[in-house]
């Protein structure tokens, strides 16, 4: 049996946003910035909005998520940044999937990855290797692709729910 880590962004049925890659990234960034207030200032949003994103009570807009990834990447480039960002997995496979959202290898379409260099901490700039075909992709590209799909499916789900009401 292979070991792996599935990175879930939303619950399959009701699409709750708590415990998501969004809230994980927000928590890491708040730790890097020293407080939620400092992070809210960097993202140019009110602290209560940041709190709703972190708790899963509101969906984080993609534009804000991209800015968040930029902040995390800036931190990772600092010499004192020894631990990996988005400390989700220390070893094993990485899958970016939930319901219909799926981050895929650009060459073969598969969705399981391993770190190209398992000795290095997992960072946004880390190279990942597709388990199926061996193609390399950057971790941040997969997270971005995944966040875009989750956002799309979440909006689509919300629209269908609204039509049914």
Protein backbone atom coordinates (compact mmCIF):
# COMPACT_ATOMS: atom_id res chain seq x y z
CA UNK A 1 0.00 0.00 0.00
CA UNK A 2 1.45 3.35 -0.97
CA UNK A 3 1.60 6.18 1.50
CA UNK A 4 0.32 9.53 0.44
CA UNK A 5 -1.04 12.86 1.43
CA UNK A 6 -4.21 14.16 -0.14
CA UNK A 7 -4.52 17.91 -0.01
CA UNK A 8 -8.18 18.71 0.34
CA UNK A 9 -9.52 22.11 -0.46
CA UNK A 10 -13.26 21.68 0.01
CA UNK A 11 -15.66 19.11 1.36
CA UNK A 12 -17.27 17.14 -1.44
CA UNK A 13 -20.88 17.79 -0.54
CA UNK A 14 -21.32 21.23 0.99
CA UNK A 15 -17.98 22.73 -0.08
CA UNK A 16 -17.03 24.03 3.40
CA UNK A 17 -13.86 26.07 3.24
CA UNK A 18 -12.40 25.25 6.67
CA UNK A 19 -9.20 23.20 6.84
CA UNK A 20 -8.34 23.97 3.25
CA UNK A 21 -5.19 24.74 1.40
CA UNK A 22 -6.39 28.34 1.63
CA UNK A 23 -6.63 28.33 5.42
CA UNK A 24 -3.38 26.36 5.69
CA UNK A 25 -1.56 28.91 3.55
CA UNK A 26 -3.14 31.78 5.49
CA UNK A 27 -2.02 30.26 8.79
CA UNK A 28 1.54 29.82 7.52
CA UNK A 29 1.64 33.38 6.20
CA UNK A 30 0.27 34.79 9.45
CA UNK A 31 3.01 32.92 11.29
CA UNK A 32 5.63 34.33 8.91
CA UNK A 33 4.28 37.88 9.26
CA UNK A 34 4.01 37.63 13.04
CA UNK A 35 0.26 38.21 13.36
CA UNK A 36 -3.03 38.14 11.50
CA UNK A 37 -3.09 41.94 11.67
CA UNK A 38 0.27 42.15 9.88
CA UNK A 39 -0.91 39.66 7.25
CA UNK A 40 -4.20 41.53 6.74
CA UNK A 41 -2.21 44.73 6.20
CA UNK A 42 0.05 43.00 3.62
CA UNK A 43 -3.02 41.64 1.78
CA UNK A 44 -4.80 45.01 2.04
CA UNK A 45 -7.91 43.52 3.65
CA UNK A 46 -9.65 44.14 6.98
CA UNK A 47 -8.56 41.74 9.70
CA UNK A 48 -12.13 40.44 10.12
CA UNK A 49 -12.18 39.49 6.41
CA UNK A 50 -8.92 37.60 6.89
CA UNK A 51 -10.48 35.88 9.91
CA UNK A 52 -13.46 34.73 7.82
CA UNK A 53 -11.10 33.32 5.19
CA UNK A 54 -9.03 31.55 7.83
CA UNK A 55 -12.07 30.04 9.55
CA UNK A 56 -13.65 28.95 6.28
CA UNK A 57 -16.68 31.20 6.68
CA UNK A 58 -15.88 33.03 3.44
CA UNK A 59 -14.12 31.99 0.27
CA UNK A 60 -10.81 33.67 -0.41
CA UNK A 61 -10.74 35.36 -3.83
CA UNK A 62 -8.14 33.98 -6.21
CA UNK A 63 -6.45 37.36 -6.60
CA UNK A 64 -5.87 37.49 -2.83
CA UNK A 65 -4.66 33.88 -2.89
CA UNK A 66 -2.09 34.72 -5.57
CA UNK A 67 -0.86 37.62 -3.42
CA UNK A 68 -0.68 35.24 -0.46
CA UNK A 69 1.45 32.81 -2.48
CA UNK A 70 3.75 35.73 -3.37
CA UNK A 71 4.17 36.57 0.33
CA UNK A 72 4.93 32.96 1.22
CA UNK A 73 7.41 32.68 -1.64
CA UNK A 74 9.15 35.87 -0.45
CA UNK A 75 9.50 34.34 3.01
CA UNK A 76 10.83 31.09 1.59
CA UNK A 77 13.60 32.94 -0.23
CA UNK A 78 14.93 34.39 3.03
CA UNK A 79 18.03 32.60 4.32
CA UNK A 80 16.49 31.99 7.75
CA UNK A 81 13.44 30.23 6.22
CA UNK A 82 14.56 26.70 7.04
CA UNK A 83 11.23 24.93 7.22
CA UNK A 84 9.10 24.18 4.19
CA UNK A 85 6.09 26.30 3.43
CA UNK A 86 2.59 24.90 3.58
CA UNK A 87 3.97 22.20 5.85
CA UNK A 88 1.51 19.62 4.60
CA UNK A 89 3.66 16.63 3.92
CA UNK A 90 7.02 15.51 5.13
CA UNK A 91 7.24 12.51 2.83
CA UNK A 92 5.25 10.42 0.43
CA UNK A 93 2.98 11.23 -2.46
CA UNK A 94 1.14 14.47 -2.99
CA UNK A 95 -2.29 14.54 -4.58
CA UNK A 96 -4.21 17.72 -5.22
CA UNK A 97 -7.82 16.56 -5.57
CA UNK A 98 -11.29 16.82 -4.16
CA UNK A 99 -14.59 16.16 -5.85
CA UNK A 100 -14.17 17.41 -9.45
CA UNK A 101 -11.16 19.63 -8.76
CA UNK A 102 -7.85 18.09 -9.66
CA UNK A 103 -4.33 19.38 -10.28
CA UNK A 104 -2.83 17.33 -13.06
CA UNK A 105 0.50 16.68 -14.69
CA UNK A 106 0.66 18.80 -17.86
CA UNK A 107 2.13 15.89 -19.82
CA UNK A 108 0.09 12.83 -18.86
CA UNK A 109 -2.88 14.18 -16.87
CA UNK A 110 -2.20 12.07 -13.78
CA UNK A 111 -2.55 13.60 -10.34
CA UNK A 112 0.04 12.02 -8.04
CA UNK A 113 3.38 13.66 -7.41
CA UNK A 114 6.49 13.18 -5.31
CA UNK A 115 9.19 15.66 -4.44
CA UNK A 116 11.96 15.65 -7.03
CA UNK A 117 14.43 16.05 -4.15
CA UNK A 118 12.99 14.38 -1.03
CA UNK A 119 15.87 15.73 1.07
CA UNK A 120 14.71 19.33 0.55
CA UNK A 121 11.80 20.89 2.46
CA UNK A 122 8.58 21.33 0.53
CA UNK A 123 8.38 24.93 -0.68
CA UNK A 124 6.37 26.72 -3.33
CA UNK A 125 9.43 26.70 -5.59
CA UNK A 126 10.01 22.96 -5.05
CA UNK A 127 10.13 20.73 -8.08
CA UNK A 128 7.67 17.85 -7.98
CA UNK A 129 7.82 14.80 -10.21
CA UNK A 130 4.77 13.10 -11.67
CA UNK A 131 4.70 9.55 -10.33
CA UNK A 132 3.28 8.26 -13.60
CA UNK A 133 5.46 9.82 -16.32
CA UNK A 134 8.29 11.49 -14.40
CA UNK A 135 7.60 14.99 -15.74
CA UNK A 136 8.60 17.79 -13.38
CA UNK A 137 6.34 20.62 -12.34
CA UNK A 138 6.70 23.41 -9.79
CA UNK A 139 4.70 22.99 -6.58
CA UNK A 140 3.27 26.52 -6.82
CA UNK A 141 1.93 25.83 -10.33
CA UNK A 142 -0.02 22.83 -9.04
CA UNK A 143 -1.39 24.75 -6.07
CA UNK A 144 -2.46 27.59 -8.35
CA UNK A 145 -4.09 25.21 -10.84
CA UNK A 146 -5.87 23.45 -7.99
CA UNK A 147 -7.09 26.67 -6.35
CA UNK A 148 -8.49 27.86 -9.67
CA UNK A 149 -10.40 24.62 -10.17
CA UNK A 150 -11.73 24.61 -6.62
CA UNK A 151 -12.89 28.20 -6.98
CA UNK A 152 -14.59 27.38 -10.29
CA UNK A 153 -16.38 24.33 -8.86
CA UNK A 154 -17.31 26.21 -5.70
CA UNK A 155 -18.91 29.01 -7.73
CA UNK A 156 -20.65 26.49 -9.95
CA UNK A 157 -21.95 24.61 -6.91
CA UNK A 158 -23.16 27.84 -5.32
CA UNK A 159 -24.92 28.82 -8.57
CA UNK A 160 -26.68 25.45 -8.79
CA UNK A 161 -27.68 25.68 -5.13
CA UNK A 162 -29.05 29.20 -5.73
CA UNK A 163 -31.09 28.03 -8.75
CA UNK A 164 -32.56 25.17 -6.74
CA UNK A 165 -33.72 27.55 -3.99
